[in-house]
Amino acid sequence: MKTKTIMAVDDDEMILKLVGVVVENLGSKLLSASSGERCLEMLKEHTPDMLILDVQMSGINGLDLLQKIRTDFPKLTAKVLFLTAHKKPELMERADQLGCDGFVLKPIDPYRLRERIKTTFNPSYVESE
């Protein structure tokens, strides 16, 4: 996979560390933000290839954050994955309307996160055994 820049946004430092390990093992660059507000500030200076957003965060939640990103940064074409403990139908519908590319369920399995990142960037990707 060509080097990509991935921004992870989660208010849980351990989740950010776990995502960071996976991203770096893929040879990608990690940008991390511990809040939606910090993410918005960072997007003024960085253009990531992917956003990995926690749905439930203190302050602005992941869905509202993505809505704000779509409004404030309309030219950003980053892929979007949501981290969530629940895949509720209303959550999935709203995420789909906002252009979400997929979900990663918590607790996060590093292998599944890695595979989800790869297939989101390259839908025809199939891991060879």
N, C-alpha and C. Protein backbone atom coordinates (compact mmCIF):
# COMPACT_ATOMS: atom_id res chain seq x y z
N MET A 1 0.84 -1.17 0.00
CA MET A 1 0.00 0.00 0.00
C MET A 1 0.89 1.24 0.00
N LYS A 2 0.60 2.16 -0.90
CA LYS A 2 1.32 3.43 -0.97
C LYS A 2 1.16 4.18 0.35
N THR A 3 2.16 4.91 0.75
CA THR A 3 2.10 5.63 2.01
C THR A 3 0.91 6.57 2.04
N LYS A 4 0.13 6.44 3.08
CA LYS A 4 -1.07 7.26 3.28
C LYS A 4 -0.96 7.98 4.60
N THR A 5 -1.70 9.07 4.72
CA THR A 5 -1.81 9.78 5.98
C THR A 5 -3.20 9.51 6.54
N ILE A 6 -3.22 9.01 7.75
CA ILE A 6 -4.48 8.64 8.40
C ILE A 6 -4.61 9.45 9.69
N MET A 7 -5.76 10.13 9.84
CA MET A 7 -6.04 10.87 11.06
C MET A 7 -7.03 10.08 11.90
N ALA A 8 -6.63 9.77 13.13
CA ALA A 8 -7.49 9.08 14.08
C ALA A 8 -7.98 10.08 15.12
N VAL A 9 -9.28 10.03 15.40
CA VAL A 9 -9.86 10.96 16.37
C VAL A 9 -10.64 10.15 17.40
N ASP A 10 -10.17 10.18 18.64
CA ASP A 10 -10.81 9.43 19.72
C ASP A 10 -10.42 10.09 21.02
N ASP A 11 -11.34 10.13 21.97
CA ASP A 11 -11.01 10.74 23.27
C ASP A 11 -10.39 9.74 24.24
N ASP A 12 -10.15 8.52 23.78
CA ASP A 12 -9.51 7.48 24.58
C ASP A 12 -8.07 7.31 24.09
N GLU A 13 -7.13 7.68 24.93
CA GLU A 13 -5.71 7.63 24.54
C GLU A 13 -5.25 6.23 24.16
N MET A 14 -5.77 5.21 24.84
CA MET A 14 -5.37 3.84 24.52
C MET A 14 -5.83 3.43 23.11
N ILE A 15 -7.01 3.87 22.73
CA ILE A 15 -7.50 3.58 21.37
C ILE A 15 -6.60 4.27 20.35
N LEU A 16 -6.24 5.53 20.61
CA LEU A 16 -5.35 6.24 19.69
C LEU A 16 -4.02 5.52 19.56
N LYS A 17 -3.49 5.00 20.66
CA LYS A 17 -2.23 4.27 20.60
C LYS A 17 -2.37 2.99 19.79
N LEU A 18 -3.45 2.25 19.99
CA LEU A 18 -3.69 1.02 19.25
C LEU A 18 -3.83 1.31 17.75
N VAL A 19 -4.63 2.31 17.41
CA VAL A 19 -4.78 2.68 16.00
C VAL A 19 -3.42 3.11 15.44
N GLY A 20 -2.66 3.83 16.22
CA GLY A 20 -1.33 4.27 15.79
C GLY A 20 -0.40 3.13 15.44
N VAL A 21 -0.41 2.09 16.26
CA VAL A 21 0.42 0.91 16.00
C VAL A 21 0.01 0.26 14.68
N VAL A 22 -1.30 0.11 14.46
CA VAL A 22 -1.79 -0.50 13.23
C VAL A 22 -1.41 0.35 12.02
N VAL A 23 -1.64 1.63 12.11
CA VAL A 23 -1.35 2.55 11.00
C VAL A 23 0.14 2.54 10.67
N GLU A 24 0.98 2.62 11.68
CA GLU A 24 2.42 2.63 11.45
C GLU A 24 2.90 1.30 10.89
N ASN A 25 2.30 0.18 11.31
CA ASN A 25 2.67 -1.12 10.77
C ASN A 25 2.30 -1.25 9.30
N LEU A 26 1.35 -0.46 8.86
CA LEU A 26 0.98 -0.43 7.44
C LEU A 26 1.93 0.48 6.64
N GLY A 27 2.83 1.16 7.34
CA GLY A 27 3.73 2.08 6.66
C GLY A 27 3.10 3.43 6.38
N SER A 28 2.02 3.72 7.07
CA SER A 28 1.32 4.99 6.88
C SER A 28 1.69 5.97 7.98
N LYS A 29 1.36 7.23 7.74
CA LYS A 29 1.64 8.30 8.70
C LYS A 29 0.38 8.52 9.54
N LEU A 30 0.54 8.63 10.85
CA LEU A 30 -0.58 8.85 11.75
C LEU A 30 -0.62 10.30 12.22
N LEU A 31 -1.80 10.87 12.15
CA LEU A 31 -2.11 12.12 12.82
C LEU A 31 -3.18 11.76 13.84
N SER A 32 -3.04 12.18 15.08
CA SER A 32 -4.06 11.83 16.06
C SER A 32 -4.57 13.08 16.76
N ALA A 33 -5.87 13.01 17.07
CA ALA A 33 -6.53 14.11 17.77
C ALA A 33 -7.40 13.50 18.86
N SER A 34 -7.38 14.11 20.03
CA SER A 34 -8.14 13.56 21.15
C SER A 34 -9.53 14.18 21.28
N SER A 35 -9.90 15.02 20.31
CA SER A 35 -11.24 15.61 20.32
C SER A 35 -11.62 16.04 18.91
N GLY A 36 -12.91 16.20 18.71
CA GLY A 36 -13.39 16.69 17.43
C GLY A 36 -12.90 18.10 17.14
N GLU A 37 -12.85 18.90 18.18
CA GLU A 37 -12.39 20.27 18.02
C GLU A 37 -10.93 20.31 17.56
N ARG A 38 -10.10 19.45 18.15
CA ARG A 38 -8.69 19.38 17.75
C ARG A 38 -8.57 18.90 16.31
N CYS A 39 -9.39 17.94 15.92
CA CYS A 39 -9.39 17.44 14.55
C CYS A 39 -9.66 18.59 13.58
N LEU A 40 -10.66 19.40 13.86
CA LEU A 40 -11.00 20.52 12.97
C LEU A 40 -9.84 21.49 12.84
N GLU A 41 -9.15 21.74 13.95
CA GLU A 41 -7.97 22.62 13.90
C GLU A 41 -6.88 22.01 13.02
N MET A 42 -6.64 20.71 13.20
CA MET A 42 -5.58 20.04 12.43
C MET A 42 -5.89 19.99 10.94
N LEU A 43 -7.17 19.90 10.59
CA LEU A 43 -7.55 19.83 9.17
C LEU A 43 -7.27 21.13 8.43
N LYS A 44 -7.04 22.20 9.16
CA LYS A 44 -6.68 23.47 8.52
C LYS A 44 -5.27 23.39 7.94
N GLU A 45 -4.45 22.47 8.47
CA GLU A 45 -3.06 22.35 8.04
C GLU A 45 -2.72 21.02 7.39
N HIS A 46 -3.57 20.01 7.55
CA HIS A 46 -3.29 18.67 7.04
C HIS A 46 -4.44 18.17 6.17
N THR A 47 -4.10 17.36 5.19
CA THR A 47 -5.10 16.75 4.31
C THR A 47 -4.91 15.23 4.35
N PRO A 48 -5.54 14.57 5.31
CA PRO A 48 -5.36 13.12 5.43
C PRO A 48 -6.07 12.37 4.30
N ASP A 49 -5.60 11.15 4.06
CA ASP A 49 -6.23 10.27 3.08
C ASP A 49 -7.39 9.50 3.70
N MET A 50 -7.37 9.39 5.03
CA MET A 50 -8.43 8.68 5.75
C MET A 50 -8.64 9.31 7.11
N LEU A 51 -9.90 9.31 7.54
CA LEU A 51 -10.27 9.71 8.89
C LEU A 51 -10.83 8.49 9.60
N ILE A 52 -10.35 8.23 10.80
CA ILE A 52 -10.92 7.16 11.63
C ILE A 52 -11.49 7.88 12.85
N LEU A 53 -12.82 7.92 12.92
CA LEU A 53 -13.51 8.73 13.91
C LEU A 53 -14.28 7.87 14.90
N ASP A 54 -14.11 8.17 16.17
CA ASP A 54 -14.91 7.51 17.20
C ASP A 54 -16.32 8.11 17.16
N VAL A 55 -17.33 7.27 17.24
CA VAL A 55 -18.70 7.77 17.21
C VAL A 55 -19.01 8.49 18.52
N GLN A 56 -18.71 7.87 19.66
CA GLN A 56 -19.04 8.44 20.97
C GLN A 56 -17.82 9.11 21.58
N MET A 57 -17.80 10.43 21.50
CA MET A 57 -16.72 11.19 22.14
C MET A 57 -17.36 12.28 22.98
N SER A 58 -16.64 12.73 24.00
CA SER A 58 -17.11 13.89 24.74
C SER A 58 -16.96 15.10 23.83
N GLY A 59 -17.77 16.09 24.04
CA GLY A 59 -17.76 17.23 23.11
C GLY A 59 -18.52 16.85 21.86
N ILE A 60 -17.98 17.17 20.73
CA ILE A 60 -18.63 16.84 19.46
C ILE A 60 -18.46 15.35 19.16
N ASN A 61 -19.56 14.65 18.86
CA ASN A 61 -19.45 13.22 18.57
C ASN A 61 -19.00 13.02 17.12
N GLY A 62 -18.67 11.79 16.78
CA GLY A 62 -18.11 11.50 15.47
C GLY A 62 -19.01 11.84 14.30
N LEU A 63 -20.31 11.59 14.44
CA LEU A 63 -21.25 11.90 13.36
C LEU A 63 -21.35 13.41 13.13
N ASP A 64 -21.49 14.15 14.22
CA ASP A 64 -21.56 15.61 14.10
C ASP A 64 -20.23 16.17 13.58
N LEU A 65 -19.14 15.56 14.00
CA LEU A 65 -17.82 15.97 13.51
C LEU A 65 -17.72 15.78 12.00
N LEU A 66 -18.15 14.63 11.51
CA LEU A 66 -18.08 14.39 10.07
C LEU A 66 -18.97 15.38 9.32
N GLN A 67 -20.14 15.68 9.86
CA GLN A 67 -21.02 16.68 9.23
C GLN A 67 -20.30 18.03 9.13
N LYS A 68 -19.63 18.42 10.21
CA LYS A 68 -18.90 19.70 10.23
C LYS A 68 -17.73 19.66 9.25
N ILE A 69 -17.03 18.54 9.17
CA ILE A 69 -15.92 18.41 8.22
C ILE A 69 -16.45 18.56 6.79
N ARG A 70 -17.57 17.91 6.49
CA ARG A 70 -18.15 17.98 5.15
C ARG A 70 -18.52 19.43 4.80
N THR A 71 -18.97 20.20 5.79
CA THR A 71 -19.35 21.59 5.57
C THR A 71 -18.13 22.51 5.47
N ASP A 72 -17.20 22.36 6.42
CA ASP A 72 -16.05 23.27 6.51
C ASP A 72 -14.91 22.93 5.54
N PHE A 73 -14.81 21.67 5.14
CA PHE A 73 -13.73 21.22 4.25
C PHE A 73 -14.31 20.45 3.07
N PRO A 74 -15.11 21.11 2.22
CA PRO A 74 -15.83 20.39 1.16
C PRO A 74 -14.92 19.71 0.13
N LYS A 75 -13.69 20.14 0.02
CA LYS A 75 -12.77 19.53 -0.95
C LYS A 75 -12.03 18.32 -0.40
N LEU A 76 -12.18 18.04 0.90
CA LEU A 76 -11.50 16.90 1.51
C LEU A 76 -12.15 15.61 1.00
N THR A 77 -11.34 14.75 0.41
CA THR A 77 -11.86 13.50 -0.17
C THR A 77 -11.43 12.27 0.63
N ALA A 78 -11.08 12.47 1.88
CA ALA A 78 -10.60 11.37 2.72
C ALA A 78 -11.66 10.29 2.88
N LYS A 79 -11.19 9.05 2.91
CA LYS A 79 -12.04 7.92 3.27
C LYS A 79 -12.39 8.08 4.75
N VAL A 80 -13.52 7.51 5.17
CA VAL A 80 -13.95 7.65 6.56
C VAL A 80 -14.37 6.30 7.14
N LEU A 81 -13.75 5.95 8.26
CA LEU A 81 -14.16 4.79 9.04
C LEU A 81 -14.60 5.27 10.42
N PHE A 82 -15.67 4.68 10.92
CA PHE A 82 -16.13 4.99 12.27
C PHE A 82 -15.78 3.86 13.21
N LEU A 83 -15.35 4.22 14.42
CA LEU A 83 -15.14 3.27 15.51
C LEU A 83 -16.39 3.34 16.38
N THR A 84 -16.99 2.20 16.65
CA THR A 84 -18.20 2.19 17.46
C THR A 84 -18.36 0.88 18.20
N ALA A 85 -19.04 0.95 19.33
CA ALA A 85 -19.35 -0.25 20.09
C ALA A 85 -20.68 -0.85 19.63
N HIS A 86 -21.50 -0.05 18.95
CA HIS A 86 -22.83 -0.51 18.51
C HIS A 86 -23.08 -0.08 17.07
N LYS A 87 -23.56 -1.01 16.27
CA LYS A 87 -23.95 -0.67 14.90
C LYS A 87 -25.48 -0.59 14.86
N LYS A 88 -26.01 0.49 15.39
CA LYS A 88 -27.45 0.70 15.40
C LYS A 88 -27.90 1.15 14.01
N PRO A 89 -29.08 0.73 13.56
CA PRO A 89 -29.56 1.11 12.23
C PRO A 89 -29.57 2.62 11.98
N GLU A 90 -30.00 3.40 12.97
CA GLU A 90 -30.05 4.86 12.77
C GLU A 90 -28.64 5.46 12.65
N LEU A 91 -27.69 4.90 13.38
CA LEU A 91 -26.30 5.32 13.27
C LEU A 91 -25.76 5.01 11.88
N MET A 92 -26.00 3.81 11.44
CA MET A 92 -25.50 3.39 10.13
C MET A 92 -26.13 4.23 9.00
N GLU A 93 -27.40 4.54 9.13
CA GLU A 93 -28.08 5.34 8.11
C GLU A 93 -27.50 6.75 8.03
N ARG A 94 -27.34 7.38 9.19
CA ARG A 94 -26.78 8.74 9.20
C ARG A 94 -25.33 8.73 8.70
N ALA A 95 -24.55 7.75 9.13
CA ALA A 95 -23.16 7.65 8.68
C ALA A 95 -23.10 7.46 7.17
N ASP A 96 -23.99 6.65 6.64
CA ASP A 96 -24.05 6.43 5.20
C ASP A 96 -24.38 7.72 4.46
N GLN A 97 -25.32 8.49 4.99
CA GLN A 97 -25.69 9.77 4.38
C GLN A 97 -24.51 10.74 4.36
N LEU A 98 -23.64 10.63 5.34
CA LEU A 98 -22.48 11.51 5.43
C LEU A 98 -21.28 11.01 4.62
N GLY A 99 -21.42 9.84 3.99
CA GLY A 99 -20.35 9.32 3.15
C GLY A 99 -19.35 8.46 3.88
N CYS A 100 -19.79 7.77 4.92
CA CYS A 100 -18.91 6.86 5.66
C CYS A 100 -18.56 5.65 4.78
N ASP A 101 -17.32 5.21 4.86
CA ASP A 101 -16.85 4.07 4.08
C ASP A 101 -16.89 2.76 4.85
N GLY A 102 -17.15 2.81 6.16
CA GLY A 102 -17.22 1.57 6.92
C GLY A 102 -17.11 1.79 8.41
N PHE A 103 -17.24 0.67 9.13
CA PHE A 103 -17.21 0.67 10.58
C PHE A 103 -16.19 -0.32 11.09
N VAL A 104 -15.63 -0.02 12.25
CA VAL A 104 -14.78 -0.95 12.98
C VAL A 104 -15.39 -1.05 14.37
N LEU A 105 -15.75 -2.25 14.76
CA LEU A 105 -16.40 -2.43 16.05
C LEU A 105 -15.38 -2.47 17.19
N LYS A 106 -15.79 -1.88 18.32
CA LYS A 106 -15.02 -1.95 19.55
C LYS A 106 -15.53 -3.14 20.35
N PRO A 107 -14.70 -3.83 21.09
CA PRO A 107 -13.26 -3.58 21.22
C PRO A 107 -12.55 -3.86 19.90
N ILE A 108 -11.55 -3.07 19.63
CA ILE A 108 -10.85 -3.13 18.34
C ILE A 108 -9.91 -4.33 18.28
N ASP A 109 -10.08 -5.10 17.23
CA ASP A 109 -9.16 -6.18 16.90
C ASP A 109 -8.16 -5.58 15.91
N PRO A 110 -6.87 -5.49 16.27
CA PRO A 110 -5.89 -4.85 15.39
C PRO A 110 -5.84 -5.46 13.98
N TYR A 111 -5.98 -6.77 13.89
CA TYR A 111 -5.95 -7.43 12.58
C TYR A 111 -7.13 -6.95 11.73
N ARG A 112 -8.32 -6.92 12.32
CA ARG A 112 -9.49 -6.48 11.56
C ARG A 112 -9.40 -5.02 11.18
N LEU A 113 -8.86 -4.19 12.06
CA LEU A 113 -8.68 -2.77 11.73
C LEU A 113 -7.73 -2.64 10.55
N ARG A 114 -6.63 -3.37 10.59
CA ARG A 114 -5.66 -3.34 9.48
C ARG A 114 -6.31 -3.74 8.17
N GLU A 115 -7.07 -4.83 8.20
CA GLU A 115 -7.73 -5.30 6.98
C GLU A 115 -8.77 -4.31 6.49
N ARG A 116 -9.50 -3.68 7.42
CA ARG A 116 -10.52 -2.70 7.05
C ARG A 116 -9.87 -1.48 6.39
N ILE A 117 -8.75 -1.04 6.92
CA ILE A 117 -8.05 0.09 6.32
C ILE A 117 -7.61 -0.27 4.91
N LYS A 118 -7.00 -1.44 4.75
CA LYS A 118 -6.53 -1.87 3.43
C LYS A 118 -7.67 -1.97 2.42
N THR A 119 -8.77 -2.62 2.81
CA THR A 119 -9.87 -2.80 1.86
C THR A 119 -10.60 -1.49 1.57
N THR A 120 -10.56 -0.55 2.49
CA THR A 120 -11.19 0.75 2.24
C THR A 120 -10.39 1.52 1.19
N PHE A 121 -9.08 1.45 1.26
CA PHE A 121 -8.25 2.10 0.25
C PHE A 121 -8.26 1.34 -1.07
N ASN A 122 -8.35 0.02 -0.99
CA ASN A 122 -8.29 -0.81 -2.19
C ASN A 122 -9.35 -1.90 -2.09
N PRO A 123 -10.57 -1.63 -2.59
CA PRO A 123 -11.66 -2.59 -2.46
C PRO A 123 -11.38 -3.97 -3.06
N SER A 124 -10.46 -4.06 -4.00
CA SER A 124 -10.17 -5.37 -4.59
C SER A 124 -9.07 -6.12 -3.82
N TYR A 125 -8.61 -5.52 -2.71
CA TYR A 125 -7.58 -6.15 -1.89
C TYR A 125 -8.07 -7.44 -1.27
N VAL A 126 -7.30 -8.48 -1.43
CA VAL A 126 -7.56 -9.76 -0.75
C VAL A 126 -6.21 -10.22 -0.21
N GLU A 127 -6.16 -10.49 1.08
CA GLU A 127 -4.89 -10.92 1.68
C GLU A 127 -4.55 -12.31 1.18
N SER A 128 -3.30 -12.45 0.73
CA SER A 128 -2.84 -13.78 0.31
C SER A 128 -2.32 -14.52 1.52
N GLU A 129 -2.57 -15.81 1.54
CA GLU A 129 -2.14 -16.59 2.71
C GLU A 129 -0.87 -17.32 2.43
